Amino acid sequence: MSADRGAPSIGGCHDSSRFARRGRAVLLLAISLLGVLAWRGAIWSERTLPRRDGVEAHEHPDRWLVDVNLASAAELTLLPGVGPTLARRIIESREREGPLASVEEIERVSGIGPRLRERIRPWLRDLTSGS
C-alpha cells in the first residue's frame, strides 16, 4: 500500500513542522506585542502620569491640559478614571446644561464626585481664568 501524500501523518514530520512554524509565529507575535506595549507604556508615562513630587501638570508646558468644555470624547478618555461612558456623560451634560464655569462643576455629571474631580484636576484647564 502506498502512503497518501496529501493526508496528514500521525506523529510524522509533516505535523511537527507545521506546529513548530505555528509556534514560532505565535512567539514572534507575542514578542512584538510586548515590544509595542512597552514602547507605548514608556510614552504614556512620560506624557500623562502625574509626577510623584507634587508638581502639577499645568506647571510644565510640555504637559497637555484638557478643556472639558471643548474636548472630544477621545480626549476626555485620556483623563485618569474617565472611560467612554463618563466621556459621553460629560459631553451630554455640557450640551444639555451649557459649558462648565469651573472645574468644580464637573461633579454635576453622574459618576463624577469629589474624589474623581481631584484625581483629574491636574489635567484640566482652569476654566475660571479664561485661558
N, C-alpha and C. Protein backbone atom coordinates (compact mmCIF):
# COMPACT_ATOMS: atom_id res chain seq x y z
N MET A 1 0.82 -1.16 0.00
CA MET A 1 0.00 0.00 0.00
C MET A 1 0.88 1.25 0.00
N SER A 2 0.49 2.25 -0.81
CA SER A 2 1.30 3.47 -0.86
C SER A 2 0.68 4.50 0.07
N ALA A 3 1.53 5.31 0.64
CA ALA A 3 1.07 6.37 1.56
C ALA A 3 0.54 7.54 0.74
N ASP A 4 -0.58 8.08 1.18
CA ASP A 4 -1.17 9.23 0.52
C ASP A 4 -0.43 10.48 0.97
N ARG A 5 0.16 11.21 0.02
CA ARG A 5 0.97 12.38 0.38
C ARG A 5 0.12 13.51 0.94
N GLY A 6 -1.13 13.63 0.53
CA GLY A 6 -1.97 14.74 0.97
C GLY A 6 -2.54 14.55 2.36
N ALA A 7 -2.60 13.34 2.83
CA ALA A 7 -3.17 13.07 4.15
C ALA A 7 -2.16 13.38 5.23
N PRO A 8 -2.61 14.02 6.30
CA PRO A 8 -1.67 14.30 7.38
C PRO A 8 -1.24 13.02 8.07
N SER A 9 0.03 12.97 8.40
CA SER A 9 0.54 11.78 9.09
C SER A 9 0.39 11.97 10.59
N ILE A 10 0.20 10.88 11.27
CA ILE A 10 0.04 10.92 12.71
C ILE A 10 1.41 10.79 13.33
N GLY A 11 1.82 11.85 14.03
CA GLY A 11 3.11 11.82 14.69
C GLY A 11 4.27 11.94 13.72
N GLY A 12 3.99 12.26 12.49
CA GLY A 12 5.05 12.33 11.49
C GLY A 12 5.70 13.70 11.44
N CYS A 13 6.68 13.80 10.58
CA CYS A 13 7.45 15.02 10.41
C CYS A 13 6.58 16.17 9.90
N HIS A 14 5.61 15.86 9.04
CA HIS A 14 4.76 16.88 8.45
C HIS A 14 4.01 17.67 9.53
N ASP A 15 3.40 16.97 10.50
CA ASP A 15 2.64 17.63 11.55
C ASP A 15 3.54 18.43 12.48
N SER A 16 4.66 17.89 12.88
CA SER A 16 5.51 18.59 13.84
C SER A 16 6.11 19.85 13.24
N SER A 17 6.43 19.86 11.96
CA SER A 17 6.98 21.08 11.37
C SER A 17 5.91 22.16 11.25
N ARG A 18 4.66 21.75 10.98
CA ARG A 18 3.57 22.70 10.91
C ARG A 18 3.33 23.32 12.28
N PHE A 19 3.35 22.51 13.34
CA PHE A 19 3.16 23.04 14.68
C PHE A 19 4.34 23.90 15.10
N ALA A 20 5.53 23.54 14.69
CA ALA A 20 6.71 24.34 15.01
C ALA A 20 6.61 25.71 14.35
N ARG A 21 6.17 25.76 13.08
CA ARG A 21 6.01 27.04 12.39
C ARG A 21 4.94 27.88 13.08
N ARG A 22 3.85 27.23 13.43
CA ARG A 22 2.78 27.95 14.12
C ARG A 22 3.26 28.47 15.48
N GLY A 23 4.01 27.66 16.19
CA GLY A 23 4.56 28.06 17.49
C GLY A 23 5.50 29.24 17.36
N ARG A 24 6.36 29.20 16.33
CA ARG A 24 7.28 30.33 16.11
C ARG A 24 6.51 31.60 15.76
N ALA A 25 5.47 31.45 14.96
CA ALA A 25 4.66 32.63 14.59
C ALA A 25 3.98 33.23 15.82
N VAL A 26 3.44 32.38 16.69
CA VAL A 26 2.78 32.86 17.90
C VAL A 26 3.80 33.53 18.82
N LEU A 27 4.98 32.94 18.95
CA LEU A 27 6.03 33.51 19.78
C LEU A 27 6.47 34.87 19.23
N LEU A 28 6.66 34.97 17.94
CA LEU A 28 7.05 36.23 17.33
C LEU A 28 5.98 37.29 17.52
N LEU A 29 4.73 36.91 17.37
CA LEU A 29 3.62 37.84 17.60
C LEU A 29 3.59 38.32 19.05
N ALA A 30 3.78 37.41 19.99
CA ALA A 30 3.77 37.77 21.41
C ALA A 30 4.91 38.71 21.74
N ILE A 31 6.10 38.45 21.22
CA ILE A 31 7.25 39.31 21.47
C ILE A 31 7.01 40.70 20.87
N SER A 32 6.45 40.73 19.66
CA SER A 32 6.16 42.01 19.02
C SER A 32 5.14 42.81 19.83
N LEU A 33 4.11 42.13 20.29
CA LEU A 33 3.08 42.79 21.08
C LEU A 33 3.67 43.35 22.38
N LEU A 34 4.51 42.59 23.05
CA LEU A 34 5.14 43.07 24.27
C LEU A 34 6.02 44.28 23.99
N GLY A 35 6.72 44.26 22.87
CA GLY A 35 7.56 45.40 22.50
C GLY A 35 6.73 46.65 22.28
N VAL A 36 5.62 46.51 21.57
CA VAL A 36 4.74 47.66 21.32
C VAL A 36 4.16 48.17 22.63
N LEU A 37 3.72 47.28 23.49
CA LEU A 37 3.16 47.70 24.78
C LEU A 37 4.20 48.40 25.64
N ALA A 38 5.42 47.90 25.65
CA ALA A 38 6.49 48.54 26.42
C ALA A 38 6.77 49.94 25.87
N TRP A 39 6.82 50.06 24.55
CA TRP A 39 7.07 51.36 23.93
C TRP A 39 5.94 52.34 24.25
N ARG A 40 4.67 51.89 24.11
CA ARG A 40 3.54 52.75 24.41
C ARG A 40 3.51 53.12 25.90
N GLY A 41 3.87 52.19 26.74
CA GLY A 41 3.91 52.47 28.18
C GLY A 41 4.93 53.54 28.51
N ALA A 42 6.07 53.49 27.85
CA ALA A 42 7.11 54.49 28.09
C ALA A 42 6.63 55.87 27.66
N ILE A 43 5.99 55.95 26.51
CA ILE A 43 5.49 57.23 26.02
C ILE A 43 4.37 57.72 26.92
N TRP A 44 3.45 56.82 27.27
CA TRP A 44 2.31 57.20 28.12
C TRP A 44 2.79 57.74 29.46
N SER A 45 3.77 57.08 30.07
CA SER A 45 4.22 57.51 31.39
C SER A 45 4.92 58.86 31.31
N GLU A 46 5.58 59.16 30.20
CA GLU A 46 6.23 60.45 30.06
C GLU A 46 5.22 61.57 29.90
N ARG A 47 4.10 61.32 29.24
CA ARG A 47 3.19 62.38 28.88
C ARG A 47 2.02 62.55 29.82
N THR A 48 1.56 61.49 30.49
CA THR A 48 0.27 61.62 31.15
C THR A 48 0.25 61.33 32.64
N LEU A 49 1.21 60.68 33.18
CA LEU A 49 1.12 60.35 34.60
C LEU A 49 1.55 61.54 35.45
N PRO A 50 0.80 61.83 36.50
CA PRO A 50 1.20 62.92 37.38
C PRO A 50 2.52 62.58 38.06
N ARG A 51 3.30 63.60 38.30
CA ARG A 51 4.58 63.37 38.94
C ARG A 51 4.38 63.13 40.43
N ARG A 52 5.23 62.34 41.01
CA ARG A 52 5.09 62.00 42.43
C ARG A 52 5.65 63.08 43.34
N ASP A 53 6.38 64.05 42.77
CA ASP A 53 6.97 65.07 43.61
C ASP A 53 6.00 66.21 43.93
N GLY A 54 4.74 66.06 43.50
CA GLY A 54 3.72 67.05 43.82
C GLY A 54 3.62 68.17 42.82
N VAL A 55 4.48 68.20 41.82
CA VAL A 55 4.42 69.24 40.81
C VAL A 55 3.25 68.95 39.89
N GLU A 56 2.39 69.92 39.71
CA GLU A 56 1.20 69.69 38.90
C GLU A 56 1.50 69.86 37.43
N ALA A 57 0.65 69.26 36.62
CA ALA A 57 0.86 69.24 35.18
C ALA A 57 0.89 70.63 34.57
N HIS A 58 0.06 71.56 35.08
CA HIS A 58 0.00 72.88 34.47
C HIS A 58 1.27 73.69 34.67
N GLU A 59 2.18 73.23 35.54
CA GLU A 59 3.44 73.91 35.73
C GLU A 59 4.48 73.50 34.69
N HIS A 60 4.13 72.54 33.85
CA HIS A 60 5.02 72.06 32.81
C HIS A 60 4.41 72.33 31.45
N PRO A 61 5.03 73.18 30.63
CA PRO A 61 4.44 73.49 29.33
C PRO A 61 4.38 72.30 28.38
N ASP A 62 5.18 71.26 28.62
CA ASP A 62 5.15 70.09 27.74
C ASP A 62 4.02 69.13 28.09
N ARG A 63 3.29 69.39 29.15
CA ARG A 63 2.14 68.56 29.53
C ARG A 63 0.88 69.12 28.90
N TRP A 64 -0.04 68.25 28.57
CA TRP A 64 -1.29 68.70 27.96
C TRP A 64 -2.33 68.93 29.04
N LEU A 65 -3.23 69.85 28.78
CA LEU A 65 -4.37 70.12 29.64
C LEU A 65 -5.63 70.00 28.81
N VAL A 66 -6.67 69.53 29.43
CA VAL A 66 -7.94 69.31 28.74
C VAL A 66 -8.93 70.40 29.14
N ASP A 67 -9.54 71.01 28.15
CA ASP A 67 -10.65 71.94 28.39
C ASP A 67 -11.93 71.12 28.27
N VAL A 68 -12.57 70.84 29.39
CA VAL A 68 -13.74 69.96 29.37
C VAL A 68 -14.89 70.55 28.57
N ASN A 69 -14.87 71.85 28.32
CA ASN A 69 -15.93 72.47 27.52
C ASN A 69 -15.72 72.30 26.02
N LEU A 70 -14.52 71.93 25.60
CA LEU A 70 -14.21 71.79 24.18
C LEU A 70 -13.74 70.39 23.78
N ALA A 71 -13.35 69.58 24.76
CA ALA A 71 -12.73 68.28 24.48
C ALA A 71 -13.69 67.29 23.82
N SER A 72 -13.13 66.49 22.94
CA SER A 72 -13.90 65.39 22.33
C SER A 72 -13.95 64.23 23.30
N ALA A 73 -14.76 63.25 22.99
CA ALA A 73 -14.84 62.05 23.84
C ALA A 73 -13.49 61.35 23.90
N ALA A 74 -12.79 61.29 22.77
CA ALA A 74 -11.47 60.64 22.75
C ALA A 74 -10.49 61.36 23.67
N GLU A 75 -10.52 62.68 23.67
CA GLU A 75 -9.62 63.44 24.54
C GLU A 75 -10.00 63.25 26.01
N LEU A 76 -11.28 63.22 26.30
CA LEU A 76 -11.72 63.04 27.68
C LEU A 76 -11.32 61.67 28.23
N THR A 77 -11.30 60.65 27.39
CA THR A 77 -10.94 59.32 27.88
C THR A 77 -9.46 59.22 28.22
N LEU A 78 -8.66 60.21 27.87
CA LEU A 78 -7.25 60.22 28.26
C LEU A 78 -7.08 60.60 29.72
N LEU A 79 -8.10 61.16 30.32
CA LEU A 79 -8.04 61.54 31.73
C LEU A 79 -8.09 60.28 32.59
N PRO A 80 -7.32 60.25 33.68
CA PRO A 80 -7.34 59.06 34.54
C PRO A 80 -8.71 58.86 35.17
N GLY A 81 -9.24 57.66 35.04
CA GLY A 81 -10.54 57.33 35.63
C GLY A 81 -11.74 57.68 34.76
N VAL A 82 -11.50 58.24 33.58
CA VAL A 82 -12.60 58.59 32.68
C VAL A 82 -12.57 57.66 31.48
N GLY A 83 -13.61 56.88 31.36
CA GLY A 83 -13.74 55.97 30.22
C GLY A 83 -14.75 56.51 29.23
N PRO A 84 -15.11 55.71 28.25
CA PRO A 84 -16.05 56.15 27.22
C PRO A 84 -17.41 56.59 27.77
N THR A 85 -17.89 55.90 28.79
CA THR A 85 -19.20 56.23 29.35
C THR A 85 -19.19 57.59 30.03
N LEU A 86 -18.19 57.84 30.88
CA LEU A 86 -18.10 59.14 31.54
C LEU A 86 -17.84 60.26 30.53
N ALA A 87 -17.03 59.98 29.53
CA ALA A 87 -16.76 60.99 28.50
C ALA A 87 -18.06 61.38 27.80
N ARG A 88 -18.87 60.38 27.48
CA ARG A 88 -20.16 60.66 26.84
C ARG A 88 -21.06 61.48 27.76
N ARG A 89 -21.06 61.15 29.05
CA ARG A 89 -21.89 61.90 30.01
C ARG A 89 -21.43 63.35 30.15
N ILE A 90 -20.12 63.58 30.12
CA ILE A 90 -19.60 64.94 30.20
C ILE A 90 -20.08 65.75 29.00
N ILE A 91 -19.97 65.17 27.82
CA ILE A 91 -20.40 65.86 26.60
C ILE A 91 -21.91 66.10 26.62
N GLU A 92 -22.68 65.10 27.04
CA GLU A 92 -24.14 65.27 27.13
C GLU A 92 -24.50 66.37 28.12
N SER A 93 -23.78 66.43 29.25
CA SER A 93 -24.04 67.45 30.26
C SER A 93 -23.77 68.84 29.72
N ARG A 94 -22.66 69.02 29.02
CA ARG A 94 -22.36 70.36 28.51
C ARG A 94 -23.30 70.75 27.36
N GLU A 95 -23.80 69.78 26.62
CA GLU A 95 -24.78 70.08 25.56
C GLU A 95 -26.14 70.43 26.16
N ARG A 96 -26.51 69.75 27.24
CA ARG A 96 -27.82 69.94 27.86
C ARG A 96 -27.84 71.16 28.78
N GLU A 97 -26.79 71.32 29.60
CA GLU A 97 -26.79 72.37 30.63
C GLU A 97 -25.85 73.53 30.33
N GLY A 98 -25.13 73.46 29.24
CA GLY A 98 -24.19 74.52 28.89
C GLY A 98 -22.80 74.24 29.43
N PRO A 99 -21.84 75.08 29.08
CA PRO A 99 -20.46 74.85 29.49
C PRO A 99 -20.28 74.97 31.00
N LEU A 100 -19.25 74.31 31.49
CA LEU A 100 -18.93 74.39 32.90
C LEU A 100 -18.23 75.72 33.17
N ALA A 101 -18.57 76.37 34.27
CA ALA A 101 -17.95 77.64 34.64
C ALA A 101 -16.68 77.42 35.46
N SER A 102 -16.59 76.26 36.11
CA SER A 102 -15.41 75.94 36.93
C SER A 102 -15.20 74.44 36.93
N VAL A 103 -14.02 74.04 37.35
CA VAL A 103 -13.70 72.61 37.42
C VAL A 103 -14.63 71.91 38.42
N GLU A 104 -15.00 72.61 39.48
CA GLU A 104 -15.88 72.01 40.50
C GLU A 104 -17.22 71.59 39.91
N GLU A 105 -17.68 72.28 38.88
CA GLU A 105 -18.98 71.95 38.29
C GLU A 105 -19.00 70.61 37.57
N ILE A 106 -17.85 69.99 37.39
CA ILE A 106 -17.81 68.70 36.70
C ILE A 106 -18.54 67.64 37.52
N GLU A 107 -18.74 67.93 38.80
CA GLU A 107 -19.47 66.99 39.66
C GLU A 107 -20.95 66.89 39.29
N ARG A 108 -21.44 67.79 38.46
CA ARG A 108 -22.84 67.68 38.02
C ARG A 108 -23.04 66.48 37.09
N VAL A 109 -21.96 65.94 36.60
CA VAL A 109 -22.01 64.76 35.72
C VAL A 109 -22.16 63.52 36.59
N SER A 110 -23.16 62.71 36.28
CA SER A 110 -23.39 61.48 37.02
C SER A 110 -22.16 60.58 36.94
N GLY A 111 -21.65 60.15 38.09
CA GLY A 111 -20.48 59.28 38.12
C GLY A 111 -19.20 60.01 38.48
N ILE A 112 -19.26 61.34 38.57
CA ILE A 112 -18.08 62.12 38.96
C ILE A 112 -18.37 62.80 40.28
N GLY A 113 -17.56 62.45 41.27
CA GLY A 113 -17.69 63.06 42.59
C GLY A 113 -16.41 63.77 42.95
N PRO A 114 -16.31 64.20 44.20
CA PRO A 114 -15.12 64.96 44.63
C PRO A 114 -13.81 64.19 44.44
N ARG A 115 -13.83 62.89 44.67
CA ARG A 115 -12.60 62.11 44.57
C ARG A 115 -12.08 62.06 43.13
N LEU A 116 -12.95 61.77 42.17
CA LEU A 116 -12.54 61.73 40.77
C LEU A 116 -12.19 63.13 40.28
N ARG A 117 -12.95 64.13 40.72
CA ARG A 117 -12.64 65.51 40.33
C ARG A 117 -11.21 65.88 40.72
N GLU A 118 -10.83 65.54 41.94
CA GLU A 118 -9.48 65.85 42.40
C GLU A 118 -8.43 65.01 41.68
N ARG A 119 -8.79 63.81 41.28
CA ARG A 119 -7.86 62.95 40.56
C ARG A 119 -7.55 63.51 39.16
N ILE A 120 -8.55 64.09 38.52
CA ILE A 120 -8.34 64.60 37.16
C ILE A 120 -7.99 66.09 37.13
N ARG A 121 -8.12 66.78 38.26
CA ARG A 121 -7.87 68.23 38.30
C ARG A 121 -6.53 68.63 37.69
N PRO A 122 -5.41 67.93 37.94
CA PRO A 122 -4.14 68.36 37.35
C PRO A 122 -4.15 68.36 35.82
N TRP A 123 -5.08 67.68 35.23
CA TRP A 123 -5.13 67.55 33.78
C TRP A 123 -6.17 68.45 33.15
N LEU A 124 -6.91 69.21 33.98
CA LEU A 124 -7.97 70.07 33.46
C LEU A 124 -7.50 71.52 33.38
N ARG A 125 -7.83 72.16 32.28
CA ARG A 125 -7.53 73.59 32.12
C ARG A 125 -8.39 74.37 33.11
N ASP A 126 -7.80 75.39 33.70
CA ASP A 126 -8.53 76.25 34.64
C ASP A 126 -9.60 77.01 33.86
N LEU A 127 -10.85 76.78 34.19
CA LEU A 127 -11.96 77.38 33.46
C LEU A 127 -12.28 78.80 33.94
N THR A 128 -11.82 79.17 35.12
CA THR A 128 -12.14 80.50 35.67
C THR A 128 -11.21 81.59 35.18
N SER A 129 -10.01 81.21 34.71
CA SER A 129 -9.03 82.23 34.30
C SER A 129 -9.22 82.69 32.87
N GLY A 130 -10.04 81.96 32.09
CA GLY A 130 -10.26 82.33 30.71
C GLY A 130 -9.13 81.94 29.79
N SER A 131 -8.19 81.10 30.27
CA SER A 131 -7.06 80.69 29.42
C SER A 131 -7.35 79.45 28.65
